[in-house]
Amino acid sequence: MEAGVKRENWDRFWSAKGTRRFTQKSWSKVRIMGVLDGVVRGGMDVLDAGCGSGFFSTYFLNKGCRVWALDHSEASLEIARKNTQGRCVAYLKEDLFRDDWVEAFRGKFDLIFSDGLFEHFAVADQKRLMDRFRMLKKENGIVATFVPNCYSWWEVVRPLVMPGIQEVPFTSSRLKELHAGMRILKTGGLSVLPVRFSPEKFLGSRLGMLLYCLAA
């Protein structure tokens, strides 16, 4: 069960005009794409888990990937369909804990991407969700996980920006623990300061707004 977040809260969130900021390119998205550029290749089968506005689905499509966009909010999927111009293989309104759905896609994906997903689940369910991702990815497939840093200034302003949406932010050590049993390819943190030369390489893993882990 999600960490206190009801589906209607997400539908309300994605129906709000203010969500335009999540469909536009930002410094955080630019830096996430910079990390992904190191592993994304044309021809990959990609699951965009918790696709939101479809911004990253569009990124994967433009890289020549086949994309399955998944979210549990119909309002979100409508935005994603529009922003991707219907180019995804499928737009899935699914519960990732449903056994039949996971079995149908077992071993399917070269890359499973999530940005802003795990923190909205209770801690016990985060491990269950990662276990599902391990089943959904190919043997050498990659799980790319981006989550908020509990030490970031974002945790102070987030309740104002995302009212009604709760989350459990991460530390870098707990994010690594979440990927236990997989081979860690790369971890780090990303600052989202609005300057071209942001200090994420030096301070991101401690003070950056986002933490990330790539594992196979």
C-alpha atoms as a PDB file:
ATOM      1  CA  MET A   1       0.000   0.000   0.000  1.00  0.00           C
ATOM      2  CA  GLU A   2       1.272   3.453  -0.821  1.00  0.00           C
ATOM      3  CA  ALA A   3       2.543   5.692   1.939  1.00  0.00           C
ATOM      4  CA  GLY A   4      -0.744   7.458   2.658  1.00  0.00           C
ATOM      5  CA  VAL A   5      -1.427   8.433  -0.961  1.00  0.00           C
ATOM      6  CA  LYS A   6      -4.816   7.699  -2.453  1.00  0.00           C
ATOM      7  CA  ARG A   7      -5.317   7.202  -6.176  1.00  0.00           C
ATOM      8  CA  GLU A   8      -7.763  10.120  -6.327  1.00  0.00           C
ATOM      9  CA  ASN A   9      -5.036  12.382  -4.920  1.00  0.00           C
ATOM     10  CA  TRP A  10      -2.830  11.475  -7.864  1.00  0.00           C
ATOM     11  CA  ASP A  11      -5.668  11.994 -10.340  1.00  0.00           C
ATOM     12  CA  ARG A  12      -6.277  15.403  -8.797  1.00  0.00           C
ATOM     13  CA  PHE A  13      -2.562  16.191  -8.912  1.00  0.00           C
ATOM     14  CA  TRP A  14      -2.161  15.270 -12.575  1.00  0.00           C
ATOM     15  CA  SER A  15      -5.355  17.099 -13.510  1.00  0.00           C
ATOM     16  CA  ALA A  16      -4.052  20.356 -12.044  1.00  0.00           C
ATOM     17  CA  LYS A  17      -2.758  22.982 -14.447  1.00  0.00           C
ATOM     18  CA  GLY A  18       0.319  23.382 -12.269  1.00  0.00           C
ATOM     19  CA  THR A  19       1.624  20.010 -13.423  1.00  0.00           C
ATOM     20  CA  ARG A  20       2.825  21.674 -16.629  1.00  0.00           C
ATOM     21  CA  ARG A  21       6.123  22.113 -14.797  1.00  0.00           C
ATOM     22  CA  PHE A  22       6.498  18.322 -14.815  1.00  0.00           C
ATOM     23  CA  THR A  23       6.066  18.113 -18.589  1.00  0.00           C
ATOM     24  CA  GLN A  24       8.772  20.663 -19.357  1.00  0.00           C
ATOM     25  CA  LYS A  25      12.523  20.192 -19.386  1.00  0.00           C
ATOM     26  CA  SER A  26      14.169  21.156 -16.097  1.00  0.00           C
ATOM     27  CA  TRP A  27      17.671  20.985 -14.666  1.00  0.00           C
ATOM     28  CA  SER A  28      16.775  17.839 -12.738  1.00  0.00           C
ATOM     29  CA  LYS A  29      15.462  16.137 -15.895  1.00  0.00           C
ATOM     30  CA  VAL A  30      18.559  17.193 -17.836  1.00  0.00           C
ATOM     31  CA  ARG A  31      20.792  15.623 -15.203  1.00  0.00           C
ATOM     32  CA  ILE A  32      18.712  12.449 -15.007  1.00  0.00           C
ATOM     33  CA  MET A  33      18.997  12.121 -18.796  1.00  0.00           C
ATOM     34  CA  GLY A  34      22.748  12.620 -18.459  1.00  0.00           C
ATOM     35  CA  VAL A  35      22.921   9.558 -16.204  1.00  0.00           C
ATOM     36  CA  LEU A  36      20.636   7.526 -18.472  1.00  0.00           C
ATOM     37  CA  ASP A  37      22.650   8.411 -21.578  1.00  0.00           C
ATOM     38  CA  GLY A  38      25.338   6.065 -20.293  1.00  0.00           C
ATOM     39  CA  VAL A  39      23.109   2.974 -20.443  1.00  0.00           C
ATOM     40  CA  VAL A  40      20.237   3.639 -22.879  1.00  0.00           C
ATOM     41  CA  ARG A  41      20.586   2.172 -26.367  1.00  0.00           C
ATOM     42  CA  GLY A  42      18.246   2.015 -29.351  1.00  0.00           C
ATOM     43  CA  GLY A  43      16.158  -1.138 -29.566  1.00  0.00           C
ATOM     44  CA  MET A  44      15.770  -1.555 -25.805  1.00  0.00           C
ATOM     45  CA  ASP A  45      12.449  -2.654 -24.312  1.00  0.00           C
ATOM     46  CA  VAL A  46      11.831  -0.101 -21.554  1.00  0.00           C
ATOM     47  CA  LEU A  47       9.264   0.011 -18.766  1.00  0.00           C
ATOM     48  CA  ASP A  48       8.645   3.566 -17.580  1.00  0.00           C
ATOM     49  CA  ALA A  49       7.218   2.658 -14.167  1.00  0.00           C
ATOM     50  CA  GLY A  50       5.174   5.511 -12.774  1.00  0.00           C
ATOM     51  CA  CYS A  51       5.410   7.381 -16.065  1.00  0.00           C
ATOM     52  CA  GLY A  52       3.689  10.531 -14.823  1.00  0.00           C
ATOM     53  CA  SER A  53       3.616  13.129 -17.586  1.00  0.00           C
ATOM     54  CA  GLY A  54       5.428  10.851 -20.031  1.00  0.00           C
ATOM     55  CA  PHE A  55       8.476  13.116 -20.191  1.00  0.00           C
ATOM     56  CA  PHE A  56      10.930  10.251 -19.842  1.00  0.00           C
ATOM     57  CA  SER A  57       8.842   7.957 -22.038  1.00  0.00           C
ATOM     58  CA  THR A  58       9.412  10.557 -24.747  1.00  0.00           C
ATOM     59  CA  TYR A  59      13.145  10.561 -23.974  1.00  0.00           C
ATOM     60  CA  PHE A  60      13.318   6.766 -24.379  1.00  0.00           C
ATOM     61  CA  LEU A  61      11.262   6.862 -27.567  1.00  0.00           C
ATOM     62  CA  ASN A  62      13.563   9.484 -29.058  1.00  0.00           C
ATOM     63  CA  LYS A  63      16.491   7.173 -28.251  1.00  0.00           C
ATOM     64  CA  GLY A  64      14.906   4.477 -30.416  1.00  0.00           C
ATOM     65  CA  CYS A  65      13.532   2.340 -27.575  1.00  0.00           C
ATOM     66  CA  ARG A  66      10.243   0.458 -27.381  1.00  0.00           C
ATOM     67  CA  VAL A  67       8.412   1.869 -24.369  1.00  0.00           C
ATOM     68  CA  TRP A  68       5.664   0.625 -22.082  1.00  0.00           C
ATOM     69  CA  ALA A  69       4.330   3.562 -20.019  1.00  0.00           C
ATOM     70  CA  LEU A  70       2.776   2.477 -16.720  1.00  0.00           C
ATOM     71  CA  ASP A  71       0.913   4.441 -14.085  1.00  0.00           C
ATOM     72  CA  HIS A  72      -2.037   3.862 -11.779  1.00  0.00           C
ATOM     73  CA  SER A  73      -3.539   7.295 -12.511  1.00  0.00           C
ATOM     74  CA  GLU A  74      -5.684   7.564 -15.617  1.00  0.00           C
ATOM     75  CA  ALA A  75      -5.195  11.341 -15.584  1.00  0.00           C
ATOM     76  CA  SER A  76      -1.441  10.762 -15.729  1.00  0.00           C
ATOM     77  CA  LEU A  77      -1.739   8.293 -18.599  1.00  0.00           C
ATOM     78  CA  GLU A  78      -3.861  10.745 -20.584  1.00  0.00           C
ATOM     79  CA  ILE A  79      -1.097  13.342 -20.277  1.00  0.00           C
ATOM     80  CA  ALA A  80       1.517  10.734 -21.202  1.00  0.00           C
ATOM     81  CA  ARG A  81      -0.441   9.652 -24.303  1.00  0.00           C
ATOM     82  CA  LYS A  82      -0.607  13.251 -25.459  1.00  0.00           C
ATOM     83  CA  ASN A  83       3.037  14.073 -24.741  1.00  0.00           C
ATOM     84  CA  THR A  84       4.328  10.911 -26.428  1.00  0.00           C
ATOM     85  CA  GLN A  85       1.914  11.309 -29.364  1.00  0.00           C
ATOM     86  CA  GLY A  86       0.728   7.743 -28.837  1.00  0.00           C
ATOM     87  CA  ARG A  87       4.104   6.258 -29.777  1.00  0.00           C
ATOM     88  CA  CYS A  88       4.456   3.909 -26.788  1.00  0.00           C
ATOM     89  CA  VAL A  89       3.843   0.210 -27.291  1.00  0.00           C
ATOM     90  CA  ALA A  90       1.235   0.372 -24.520  1.00  0.00           C
ATOM     91  CA  TYR A  91      -0.142   2.690 -21.835  1.00  0.00           C
ATOM     92  CA  LEU A  92      -0.766   0.506 -18.824  1.00  0.00           C
ATOM     93  CA  LYS A  93      -3.005   1.322 -15.892  1.00  0.00           C
ATOM     94  CA  GLU A  94      -1.720  -1.478 -13.710  1.00  0.00           C
ATOM     95  CA  ASP A  95      -0.981  -2.459 -10.140  1.00  0.00           C
ATOM     96  CA  LEU A  96       2.645  -3.583 -10.010  1.00  0.00           C
ATOM     97  CA  PHE A  97       1.810  -5.979  -7.188  1.00  0.00           C
ATOM     98  CA  ARG A  98      -0.658  -7.971  -9.292  1.00  0.00           C
ATOM     99  CA  ASP A  99       0.813 -11.430  -9.842  1.00  0.00           C
ATOM    100  CA  ASP A 100      -0.851 -12.086 -13.202  1.00  0.00           C
ATOM    101  CA  TRP A 101       0.454  -8.866 -14.729  1.00  0.00           C
ATOM    102  CA  VAL A 102       3.999  -9.473 -13.526  1.00  0.00           C
ATOM    103  CA  GLU A 103       3.942 -13.048 -14.810  1.00  0.00           C
ATOM    104  CA  ALA A 104       2.761 -11.867 -18.224  1.00  0.00           C
ATOM    105  CA  PHE A 105       5.813  -9.576 -18.514  1.00  0.00           C
ATOM    106  CA  ARG A 106       8.396 -11.694 -16.686  1.00  0.00           C
ATOM    107  CA  GLY A 107      11.896 -11.238 -18.165  1.00  0.00           C
ATOM    108  CA  LYS A 108      10.596  -8.723 -20.719  1.00  0.00           C
ATOM    109  CA  PHE A 109      12.520  -5.507 -20.173  1.00  0.00           C
ATOM    110  CA  ASP A 110      16.067  -4.364 -20.898  1.00  0.00           C
ATOM    111  CA  LEU A 111      15.545  -1.322 -18.675  1.00  0.00           C
ATOM    112  CA  ILE A 112      13.096  -0.538 -15.889  1.00  0.00           C
ATOM    113  CA  PHE A 113      13.105   3.159 -15.051  1.00  0.00           C
ATOM    114  CA  SER A 114      11.463   4.974 -12.190  1.00  0.00           C
ATOM    115  CA  ASP A 115      11.728   8.561 -11.046  1.00  0.00           C
ATOM    116  CA  GLY A 116       9.628   9.552  -8.056  1.00  0.00           C
ATOM    117  CA  LEU A 117       8.023   6.145  -7.525  1.00  0.00           C
ATOM    118  CA  PHE A 118       9.494   4.199  -4.607  1.00  0.00           C
ATOM    119  CA  GLU A 119       9.186   6.982  -2.063  1.00  0.00           C
ATOM    120  CA  HIS A 120       5.406   6.859  -2.317  1.00  0.00           C
ATOM    121  CA  PHE A 121       5.285   3.319  -0.939  1.00  0.00           C
ATOM    122  CA  ALA A 122       5.635   2.149   2.631  1.00  0.00           C
ATOM    123  CA  VAL A 123       9.140   0.879   3.377  1.00  0.00           C
ATOM    124  CA  ALA A 124       8.043  -2.769   3.525  1.00  0.00           C
ATOM    125  CA  ASP A 125       6.414  -2.490   0.108  1.00  0.00           C
ATOM    126  CA  GLN A 126       9.466  -0.860  -1.468  1.00  0.00           C
ATOM    127  CA  LYS A 127      11.314  -4.172  -1.251  1.00  0.00           C
ATOM    128  CA  ARG A 128       8.311  -6.040  -2.657  1.00  0.00           C
ATOM    129  CA  LEU A 129       8.229  -3.622  -5.570  1.00  0.00           C
ATOM    130  CA  MET A 130      11.946  -4.043  -6.270  1.00  0.00           C
ATOM    131  CA  ASP A 131      11.484  -7.823  -6.206  1.00  0.00           C
ATOM    132  CA  ARG A 132       8.862  -7.360  -8.935  1.00  0.00           C
ATOM    133  CA  PHE A 133      11.267  -5.277 -10.987  1.00  0.00           C
ATOM    134  CA  ARG A 134      13.851  -8.044 -10.711  1.00  0.00           C
ATOM    135  CA  MET A 135      11.289 -10.455 -12.146  1.00  0.00           C
ATOM    136  CA  LEU A 136      10.301  -8.089 -14.943  1.00  0.00           C
ATOM    137  CA  LYS A 137      13.810  -7.333 -16.194  1.00  0.00           C
ATOM    138  CA  LYS A 138      15.846  -9.536 -18.520  1.00  0.00           C
ATOM    139  CA  GLU A 139      18.780 -11.443 -17.051  1.00  0.00           C
ATOM    140  CA  ASN A 140      21.155  -8.597 -17.832  1.00  0.00           C
ATOM    141  CA  GLY A 141      18.498  -5.924 -17.741  1.00  0.00           C
ATOM    142  CA  ILE A 142      19.030  -2.713 -15.768  1.00  0.00           C
ATOM    143  CA  VAL A 143      16.931  -1.153 -13.040  1.00  0.00           C
ATOM    144  CA  ALA A 144      17.403   2.629 -12.959  1.00  0.00           C
ATOM    145  CA  THR A 145      15.966   4.160  -9.796  1.00  0.00           C
ATOM    146  CA  PHE A 146      15.788   7.872  -8.943  1.00  0.00           C
ATOM    147  CA  VAL A 147      14.402   8.950  -5.562  1.00  0.00           C
ATOM    148  CA  PRO A 148      14.399  12.071  -3.352  1.00  0.00           C
ATOM    149  CA  ASN A 149      17.175  12.591  -0.830  1.00  0.00           C
ATOM    150  CA  CYS A 150      15.885  12.923   2.737  1.00  0.00           C
ATOM    151  CA  TYR A 151      18.550  15.578   3.427  1.00  0.00           C
ATOM    152  CA  SER A 152      17.492  17.797   0.521  1.00  0.00           C
ATOM    153  CA  TRP A 153      15.809  21.203   0.735  1.00  0.00           C
ATOM    154  CA  TRP A 154      13.099  19.643  -1.459  1.00  0.00           C
ATOM    155  CA  GLU A 155      11.691  17.856   1.578  1.00  0.00           C
ATOM    156  CA  VAL A 156      10.936  21.266   3.110  1.00  0.00           C
ATOM    157  CA  VAL A 157       9.051  22.711   0.135  1.00  0.00           C
ATOM    158  CA  ARG A 158       7.521  19.501  -1.295  1.00  0.00           C
ATOM    159  CA  PRO A 159       4.329  19.611   0.840  1.00  0.00           C
ATOM    160  CA  LEU A 160       3.577  23.020  -0.654  1.00  0.00           C
ATOM    161  CA  VAL A 161       4.230  21.894  -4.229  1.00  0.00           C
ATOM    162  CA  MET A 162       2.520  18.489  -3.956  1.00  0.00           C
ATOM    163  CA  PRO A 163      -0.310  18.849  -1.404  1.00  0.00           C
ATOM    164  CA  GLY A 164      -1.915  15.556  -0.402  1.00  0.00           C
ATOM    165  CA  ILE A 165       1.022  13.527  -1.736  1.00  0.00           C
ATOM    166  CA  GLN A 166       3.139  11.894   0.949  1.00  0.00           C
ATOM    167  CA  GLU A 167       6.499  10.200   0.545  1.00  0.00           C
ATOM    168  CA  VAL A 168       9.280   8.394   2.397  1.00  0.00           C
ATOM    169  CA  PRO A 169      12.586   9.890   1.133  1.00  0.00           C
ATOM    170  CA  PHE A 170      15.844   7.951   0.994  1.00  0.00           C
ATOM    171  CA  THR A 171      19.418   8.012   2.190  1.00  0.00           C
ATOM    172  CA  SER A 172      22.094   6.770  -0.193  1.00  0.00           C
ATOM    173  CA  SER A 173      22.755   3.705   1.974  1.00  0.00           C
ATOM    174  CA  ARG A 174      19.099   2.712   2.079  1.00  0.00           C
ATOM    175  CA  LEU A 175      18.821   3.102  -1.691  1.00  0.00           C
ATOM    176  CA  LYS A 176      21.746   0.713  -2.138  1.00  0.00           C
ATOM    177  CA  GLU A 177      20.125  -1.731   0.280  1.00  0.00           C
ATOM    178  CA  LEU A 178      16.977  -1.646  -1.840  1.00  0.00           C
ATOM    179  CA  HIS A 179      19.031  -3.013  -4.771  1.00  0.00           C
ATOM    180  CA  ALA A 180      20.638  -5.792  -2.693  1.00  0.00           C
ATOM    181  CA  GLY A 181      21.186  -8.965  -4.712  1.00  0.00           C
ATOM    182  CA  MET A 182      21.825  -7.049  -7.926  1.00  0.00           C
ATOM    183  CA  ARG A 183      25.109  -5.829  -9.349  1.00  0.00           C
ATOM    184  CA  ILE A 184      25.440  -2.109  -8.661  1.00  0.00           C
ATOM    185  CA  LEU A 185      26.587  -0.331 -11.807  1.00  0.00           C
ATOM    186  CA  LYS A 186      26.523   3.253 -10.612  1.00  0.00           C
ATOM    187  CA  THR A 187      25.177   5.309  -7.718  1.00  0.00           C
ATOM    188  CA  GLY A 188      25.243   8.980  -6.882  1.00  0.00           C
ATOM    189  CA  GLY A 189      23.260  12.114  -6.275  1.00  0.00           C
ATOM    190  CA  LEU A 190      22.054  14.984  -8.417  1.00  0.00           C
ATOM    191  CA  SER A 191      21.801  18.626  -7.532  1.00  0.00           C
ATOM    192  CA  VAL A 192      19.124  20.600  -9.329  1.00  0.00           C
ATOM    193  CA  LEU A 193      20.547  24.070  -8.813  1.00  0.00           C
ATOM    194  CA  PRO A 194      19.628  26.180 -11.873  1.00  0.00           C
ATOM    195  CA  VAL A 195      23.201  26.603 -13.066  1.00  0.00           C
ATOM    196  CA  ARG A 196      24.991  24.732 -15.806  1.00  0.00           C
ATOM    197  CA  PHE A 197      27.923  23.598 -13.670  1.00  0.00           C
ATOM    198  CA  SER A 198      26.103  22.225 -10.663  1.00  0.00           C
ATOM    199  CA  PRO A 199      28.183  20.626  -7.885  1.00  0.00           C
ATOM    200  CA  GLU A 200      26.403  17.260  -7.871  1.00  0.00           C
ATOM    201  CA  LYS A 201      29.669  15.369  -8.402  1.00  0.00           C
ATOM    202  CA  PHE A 202      30.899  16.706  -5.098  1.00  0.00           C
ATOM    203  CA  LEU A 203      27.777  17.245  -2.992  1.00  0.00           C
ATOM    204  CA  GLY A 204      24.985  15.375  -4.764  1.00  0.00           C
ATOM    205  CA  SER A 205      25.178  12.161  -2.761  1.00  0.00           C
ATOM    206  CA  ARG A 206      24.786  14.158   0.457  1.00  0.00           C
ATOM    207  CA  LEU A 207      22.847  17.314  -0.351  1.00  0.00           C
ATOM    208  CA  GLY A 208      21.507  16.745  -3.868  1.00  0.00           C
ATOM    209  CA  MET A 209      17.767  16.726  -4.342  1.00  0.00           C
ATOM    210  CA  LEU A 210      17.868  13.296  -6.031  1.00  0.00           C
ATOM    211  CA  LEU A 211      19.692  10.046  -5.369  1.00  0.00           C
ATOM    212  CA  TYR A 212      20.052   7.346  -8.018  1.00  0.00           C
ATOM    213  CA  CYS A 213      21.143   3.773  -8.436  1.00  0.00           C
ATOM    214  CA  LEU A 214      21.687   1.736 -11.612  1.00  0.00           C
ATOM    215  CA  ALA A 215      21.774  -2.007 -11.016  1.00  0.00           C
ATOM    216  CA  ALA A 216      21.679  -5.163 -13.137  1.00  0.00           C
END
